[in-house]
Each structure stands twice: as C-alpha cells, then as structure tokens.
Amino acid sequence: MVTDYERMLEAEELKFQLGESSLFLVNSRESKLIDGQLKAVSIQNKFFNTKAKLFNSLAFNPDL
C-alpha cells in the first residue's frame, strides 16, 4: 500500500512539473503517503508485540 502511495506521489509531482497539477494535489498525495507509512509502522509494531507475547507465553527465547 505504501509503495502505491509513493508511486502516486511521484506521478503527481511529475504532473505538477509539467503544469498539469496543483500544489494542493501534491500535498494531498504526500499526506496520504505519510498516513500510510504511519499505519504500516503501527501494524508492524502490533505484530512484533504480539510475537513477543507469544514467545513469552511459550517461555521460549528466539535468540537461542
């Protein structure tokens, strides 16, 4: 999802350079990219927390 937002931002920036877009649309695309990145980090954080709780409940050390 984040890669799609990155591609959309790049395309919008190119359209802006060619005079076919506005700064508002570029900012909007960039805002959606940042929101997507934050959501991806949040999901990744929840995944690792859940994984840590699972290892803890199994009394398993993944480093060994």
PDB file of N, CA and C in Angstrom:
ATOM      1  N   MET A   1       0.826  -1.178   0.000  1.00  0.00           N
ATOM      2  CA  MET A   1       0.000   0.000   0.000  1.00  0.00           C
ATOM      3  C   MET A   1       0.881   1.257   0.000  1.00  0.00           C
ATOM      4  N   VAL A   2       1.927   1.233   0.816  1.00  0.00           N
ATOM      5  CA  VAL A   2       2.813   2.393   0.897  1.00  0.00           C
ATOM      6  C   VAL A   2       3.510   2.616  -0.443  1.00  0.00           C
ATOM      7  N   THR A   3       3.912   1.533  -1.099  1.00  0.00           N
ATOM      8  CA  THR A   3       4.576   1.695  -2.401  1.00  0.00           C
ATOM      9  C   THR A   3       3.624   2.307  -3.427  1.00  0.00           C
ATOM     10  N   ASP A   4       2.342   1.967  -3.333  1.00  0.00           N
ATOM     11  CA  ASP A   4       1.361   2.576  -4.239  1.00  0.00           C
ATOM     12  C   ASP A   4       1.250   4.083  -3.971  1.00  0.00           C
ATOM     13  N   TYR A   5       1.230   4.469  -2.703  1.00  0.00           N
ATOM     14  CA  TYR A   5       1.175   5.894  -2.371  1.00  0.00           C
ATOM     15  C   TYR A   5       2.428   6.615  -2.863  1.00  0.00           C
ATOM     16  N   GLU A   6       3.587   5.946  -2.766  1.00  0.00           N
ATOM     17  CA  GLU A   6       4.832   6.549  -3.249  1.00  0.00           C
ATOM     18  C   GLU A   6       4.764   6.773  -4.758  1.00  0.00           C
ATOM     19  N   ARG A   7       4.261   5.794  -5.480  1.00  0.00           N
ATOM     20  CA  ARG A   7       4.145   5.913  -6.935  1.00  0.00           C
ATOM     21  C   ARG A   7       3.158   7.014  -7.310  1.00  0.00           C
ATOM     22  N   MET A   8       2.055   7.110  -6.571  1.00  0.00           N
ATOM     23  CA  MET A   8       1.076   8.153  -6.863  1.00  0.00           C
ATOM     24  C   MET A   8       1.662   9.539  -6.598  1.00  0.00           C
ATOM     25  N   LEU A   9       2.449   9.671  -5.533  1.00  0.00           N
ATOM     26  CA  LEU A   9       3.088  10.952  -5.233  1.00  0.00           C
ATOM     27  C   LEU A   9       4.080  11.320  -6.332  1.00  0.00           C
ATOM     28  N   GLU A  10       4.894  10.359  -6.762  1.00  0.00           N
ATOM     29  CA  GLU A  10       5.860  10.627  -7.835  1.00  0.00           C
ATOM     30  C   GLU A  10       5.155  11.068  -9.114  1.00  0.00           C
ATOM     31  N   ALA A  11       4.062  10.400  -9.438  1.00  0.00           N
ATOM     32  CA  ALA A  11       3.305  10.764 -10.636  1.00  0.00           C
ATOM     33  C   ALA A  11       2.705  12.162 -10.506  1.00  0.00           C
ATOM     34  N   GLU A  12       2.184  12.472  -9.332  1.00  0.00           N
ATOM     35  CA  GLU A  12       1.589  13.796  -9.114  1.00  0.00           C
ATOM     36  C   GLU A  12       2.648  14.883  -9.185  1.00  0.00           C
ATOM     37  N   GLU A  13       3.855  14.607  -8.652  1.00  0.00           N
ATOM     38  CA  GLU A  13       4.947  15.580  -8.735  1.00  0.00           C
ATOM     39  C   GLU A  13       5.362  15.809 -10.182  1.00  0.00           C
ATOM     40  N   LEU A  14       5.380  14.748 -10.972  1.00  0.00           N
ATOM     41  CA  LEU A  14       5.712  14.882 -12.386  1.00  0.00           C
ATOM     42  C   LEU A  14       4.648  15.714 -13.106  1.00  0.00           C
ATOM     43  N   LYS A  15       3.383  15.443 -12.808  1.00  0.00           N
ATOM     44  CA  LYS A  15       2.305  16.238 -13.402  1.00  0.00           C
ATOM     45  C   LYS A  15       2.425  17.704 -12.986  1.00  0.00           C
ATOM     46  N   PHE A  16       2.831  17.946 -11.732  1.00  0.00           N
ATOM     47  CA  PHE A  16       2.997  19.322 -11.251  1.00  0.00           C
ATOM     48  C   PHE A  16       4.107  20.025 -12.024  1.00  0.00           C
ATOM     49  N   GLN A  17       5.208  19.311 -12.253  1.00  0.00           N
ATOM     50  CA  GLN A  17       6.326  19.895 -13.008  1.00  0.00           C
ATOM     51  C   GLN A  17       5.925  20.220 -14.442  1.00  0.00           C
ATOM     52  N   LEU A  18       5.004  19.419 -14.985  1.00  0.00           N
ATOM     53  CA  LEU A  18       4.537  19.652 -16.349  1.00  0.00           C
ATOM     54  C   LEU A  18       3.397  20.678 -16.409  1.00  0.00           C
ATOM     55  N   GLY A  19       2.962  21.148 -15.248  1.00  0.00           N
ATOM     56  CA  GLY A  19       1.918  22.160 -15.192  1.00  0.00           C
ATOM     57  C   GLY A  19       0.511  21.605 -15.245  1.00  0.00           C
ATOM     58  N   GLU A  20       0.365  20.320 -15.046  1.00  0.00           N
ATOM     59  CA  GLU A  20      -0.947  19.672 -15.136  1.00  0.00           C
ATOM     60  C   GLU A  20      -1.591  19.425 -13.780  1.00  0.00           C
ATOM     61  N   SER A  21      -0.935  19.818 -12.696  1.00  0.00           N
ATOM     62  CA  SER A  21      -1.450  19.569 -11.360  1.00  0.00           C
ATOM     63  C   SER A  21      -1.231  20.800 -10.493  1.00  0.00           C
ATOM     64  N   SER A  22      -1.758  20.743  -9.284  1.00  0.00           N
ATOM     65  CA  SER A  22      -1.593  21.862  -8.357  1.00  0.00           C
ATOM     66  C   SER A  22      -0.800  21.405  -7.136  1.00  0.00           C
ATOM     67  N   LEU A  23      -0.282  22.359  -6.415  1.00  0.00           N
ATOM     68  CA  LEU A  23       0.466  22.056  -5.207  1.00  0.00           C
ATOM     69  C   LEU A  23      -0.435  21.399  -4.169  1.00  0.00           C
ATOM     70  N   PHE A  24      -1.715  21.755  -4.162  1.00  0.00           N
ATOM     71  CA  PHE A  24      -2.669  21.137  -3.243  1.00  0.00           C
ATOM     72  C   PHE A  24      -2.730  19.628  -3.453  1.00  0.00           C
ATOM     73  N   LEU A  25      -2.774  19.183  -4.719  1.00  0.00           N
ATOM     74  CA  LEU A  25      -2.843  17.754  -5.001  1.00  0.00           C
ATOM     75  C   LEU A  25      -1.550  17.036  -4.614  1.00  0.00           C
ATOM     76  N   VAL A  26      -0.418  17.698  -4.820  1.00  0.00           N
ATOM     77  CA  VAL A  26       0.862  17.116  -4.415  1.00  0.00           C
ATOM     78  C   VAL A  26       0.895  16.954  -2.901  1.00  0.00           C
ATOM     79  N   ASN A  27       0.477  17.986  -2.183  1.00  0.00           N
ATOM     80  CA  ASN A  27       0.445  17.914  -0.720  1.00  0.00           C
ATOM     81  C   ASN A  27      -0.527  16.847  -0.237  1.00  0.00           C
ATOM     82  N   SER A  28      -1.646  16.715  -0.922  1.00  0.00           N
ATOM     83  CA  SER A  28      -2.628  15.704  -0.558  1.00  0.00           C
ATOM     84  C   SER A  28      -2.044  14.301  -0.721  1.00  0.00           C
ATOM     85  N   ARG A  29      -1.360  14.066  -1.833  1.00  0.00           N
ATOM     86  CA  ARG A  29      -0.722  12.760  -2.061  1.00  0.00           C
ATOM     87  C   ARG A  29       0.358  12.487  -1.009  1.00  0.00           C
ATOM     88  N   GLU A  30       1.125  13.515  -0.691  1.00  0.00           N
ATOM     89  CA  GLU A  30       2.177  13.357   0.308  1.00  0.00           C
ATOM     90  C   GLU A  30       1.584  13.058   1.685  1.00  0.00           C
ATOM     91  N   SER A  31       0.483  13.702   2.008  1.00  0.00           N
ATOM     92  CA  SER A  31      -0.193  13.457   3.280  1.00  0.00           C
ATOM     93  C   SER A  31      -0.686  12.011   3.366  1.00  0.00           C
ATOM     94  N   LYS A  32      -1.275  11.513   2.282  1.00  0.00           N
ATOM     95  CA  LYS A  32      -1.742  10.129   2.266  1.00  0.00           C
ATOM     96  C   LYS A  32      -0.572   9.153   2.398  1.00  0.00           C
ATOM     97  N   LEU A  33       0.566   9.483   1.787  1.00  0.00           N
ATOM     98  CA  LEU A  33       1.761   8.642   1.913  1.00  0.00           C
ATOM     99  C   LEU A  33       2.223   8.582   3.365  1.00  0.00           C
ATOM    100  N   ILE A  34       2.275   9.717   4.019  1.00  0.00           N
ATOM    101  CA  ILE A  34       2.711   9.763   5.419  1.00  0.00           C
ATOM    102  C   ILE A  34       1.743   8.987   6.300  1.00  0.00           C
ATOM    103  N   ASP A  35       0.452   9.149   6.069  1.00  0.00           N
ATOM    104  CA  ASP A  35      -0.548   8.394   6.838  1.00  0.00           C
ATOM    105  C   ASP A  35      -0.377   6.890   6.623  1.00  0.00           C
ATOM    106  N   GLY A  36      -0.121   6.500   5.389  1.00  0.00           N
ATOM    107  CA  GLY A  36       0.099   5.086   5.088  1.00  0.00           C
ATOM    108  C   GLY A  36       1.343   4.543   5.764  1.00  0.00           C
ATOM    109  N   GLN A  37       2.409   5.329   5.778  1.00  0.00           N
ATOM    110  CA  GLN A  37       3.645   4.910   6.442  1.00  0.00           C
ATOM    111  C   GLN A  37       3.423   4.754   7.940  1.00  0.00           C
ATOM    112  N   LEU A  38       2.703   5.691   8.547  1.00  0.00           N
ATOM    113  CA  LEU A  38       2.408   5.599   9.978  1.00  0.00           C
ATOM    114  C   LEU A  38       1.571   4.364  10.291  1.00  0.00           C
ATOM    115  N   LYS A  39       0.595   4.081   9.441  1.00  0.00           N
ATOM    116  CA  LYS A  39      -0.245   2.913   9.656  1.00  0.00           C
ATOM    117  C   LYS A  39       0.568   1.633   9.510  1.00  0.00           C
ATOM    118  N   ALA A  40       1.477   1.584   8.536  1.00  0.00           N
ATOM    119  CA  ALA A  40       2.318   0.408   8.342  1.00  0.00           C
ATOM    120  C   ALA A  40       3.222   0.179   9.552  1.00  0.00           C
ATOM    121  N   VAL A  41       3.782   1.243  10.096  1.00  0.00           N
ATOM    122  CA  VAL A  41       4.631   1.122  11.279  1.00  0.00           C
ATOM    123  C   VAL A  41       3.808   0.658  12.476  1.00  0.00           C
ATOM    124  N   SER A  42       2.605   1.177  12.603  1.00  0.00           N
ATOM    125  CA  SER A  42       1.733   0.769  13.699  1.00  0.00           C
ATOM    126  C   SER A  42       1.383  -0.717  13.604  1.00  0.00           C
ATOM    127  N   ILE A  43       1.056  -1.179  12.421  1.00  0.00           N
ATOM    128  CA  ILE A  43       0.732  -2.595  12.232  1.00  0.00           C
ATOM    129  C   ILE A  43       1.951  -3.466  12.514  1.00  0.00           C
ATOM    130  N   GLN A  44       3.116  -3.017  12.046  1.00  0.00           N
ATOM    131  CA  GLN A  44       4.346  -3.771  12.300  1.00  0.00           C
ATOM    132  C   GLN A  44       4.647  -3.828  13.800  1.00  0.00           C
ATOM    133  N   ASN A  45       4.417  -2.725  14.497  1.00  0.00           N
ATOM    134  CA  ASN A  45       4.635  -2.680  15.938  1.00  0.00           C
ATOM    135  C   ASN A  45       3.705  -3.656  16.655  1.00  0.00           C
ATOM    136  N   LYS A  46       2.433  -3.683  16.259  1.00  0.00           N
ATOM    137  CA  LYS A  46       1.481  -4.618  16.863  1.00  0.00           C
ATOM    138  C   LYS A  46       1.898  -6.064  16.599  1.00  0.00           C
ATOM    139  N   PHE A  47       2.394  -6.334  15.403  1.00  0.00           N
ATOM    140  CA  PHE A  47       2.840  -7.683  15.057  1.00  0.00           C
ATOM    141  C   PHE A  47       3.984  -8.118  15.971  1.00  0.00           C
ATOM    142  N   PHE A  48       4.995  -7.255  16.119  1.00  0.00           N
ATOM    143  CA  PHE A  48       6.143  -7.626  16.949  1.00  0.00           C
ATOM    144  C   PHE A  48       5.768  -7.744  18.425  1.00  0.00           C
ATOM    145  N   ASN A  49       4.863  -6.897  18.904  1.00  0.00           N
ATOM    146  CA  ASN A  49       4.402  -7.016  20.293  1.00  0.00           C
ATOM    147  C   ASN A  49       3.675  -8.331  20.511  1.00  0.00           C
ATOM    148  N   THR A  50       2.830  -8.693  19.565  1.00  0.00           N
ATOM    149  CA  THR A  50       2.103  -9.962  19.672  1.00  0.00           C
ATOM    150  C   THR A  50       3.067 -11.143  19.606  1.00  0.00           C
ATOM    151  N   LYS A  51       4.040 -11.064  18.733  1.00  0.00           N
ATOM    152  CA  LYS A  51       5.037 -12.125  18.620  1.00  0.00           C
ATOM    153  C   LYS A  51       5.837 -12.259  19.917  1.00  0.00           C
ATOM    154  N   ALA A  52       6.192 -11.129  20.524  1.00  0.00           N
ATOM    155  CA  ALA A  52       6.927 -11.163  21.791  1.00  0.00           C
ATOM    156  C   ALA A  52       6.081 -11.787  22.894  1.00  0.00           C
ATOM    157  N   LYS A  53       4.801 -11.450  22.925  1.00  0.00           N
ATOM    158  CA  LYS A  53       3.903 -12.043  23.928  1.00  0.00           C
ATOM    159  C   LYS A  53       3.762 -13.548  23.716  1.00  0.00           C
ATOM    160  N   LEU A  54       3.730 -13.958  22.465  1.00  0.00           N
ATOM    161  CA  LEU A  54       3.636 -15.386  22.170  1.00  0.00           C
ATOM    162  C   LEU A  54       4.877 -16.110  22.660  1.00  0.00           C
ATOM    163  N   PHE A  55       6.058 -15.594  22.343  1.00  0.00           N
ATOM    164  CA  PHE A  55       7.302 -16.219  22.802  1.00  0.00           C
ATOM    165  C   PHE A  55       7.372 -16.239  24.327  1.00  0.00           C
ATOM    166  N   ASN A  56       6.919 -15.158  24.954  1.00  0.00           N
ATOM    167  CA  ASN A  56       6.923 -15.086  26.404  1.00  0.00           C
ATOM    168  C   ASN A  56       5.986 -16.128  27.005  1.00  0.00           C
ATOM    169  N   SER A  57       4.816 -16.302  26.398  1.00  0.00           N
ATOM    170  CA  SER A  57       3.871 -17.285  26.917  1.00  0.00           C
ATOM    171  C   SER A  57       4.362 -18.717  26.724  1.00  0.00           C
ATOM    172  N   LEU A  58       5.188 -18.918  25.717  1.00  0.00           N
ATOM    173  CA  LEU A  58       5.751 -20.251  25.486  1.00  0.00           C
ATOM    174  C   LEU A  58       7.051 -20.472  26.252  1.00  0.00           C
ATOM    175  N   ALA A  59       7.508 -19.436  26.954  1.00  0.00           N
ATOM    176  CA  ALA A  59       8.784 -19.466  27.683  1.00  0.00           C
ATOM    177  C   ALA A  59       9.908 -19.867  26.723  1.00  0.00           C
ATOM    178  N   PHE A  60       9.909 -19.218  25.582  1.00  0.00           N
ATOM    179  CA  PHE A  60      10.854 -19.513  24.511  1.00  0.00           C
ATOM    180  C   PHE A  60      11.677 -18.287  24.222  1.00  0.00           C
ATOM    181  N   ASN A  61      12.983 -18.456  24.114  1.00  0.00           N
ATOM    182  CA  ASN A  61      13.871 -17.353  23.786  1.00  0.00           C
ATOM    183  C   ASN A  61      14.289 -17.509  22.322  1.00  0.00           C
ATOM    184  N   PRO A  62      13.841 -16.615  21.423  1.00  0.00           N
ATOM    185  CA  PRO A  62      14.143 -16.768  19.999  1.00  0.00           C
ATOM    186  C   PRO A  62      15.613 -16.547  19.672  1.00  0.00           C
ATOM    187  N   ASP A  63      16.396 -15.936  20.571  1.00  0.00           N
ATOM    188  CA  ASP A  63      17.807 -15.670  20.327  1.00  0.00           C
ATOM    189  C   ASP A  63      18.687 -16.899  20.502  1.00  0.00           C
ATOM    190  N   LEU A  64      18.190 -17.914  21.149  1.00  0.00           N
ATOM    191  CA  LEU A  64      18.993 -19.111  21.415  1.00  0.00           C
ATOM    192  C   LEU A  64      18.930 -20.090  20.287  1.00  0.00           C
TER     193      LEU A  64
END
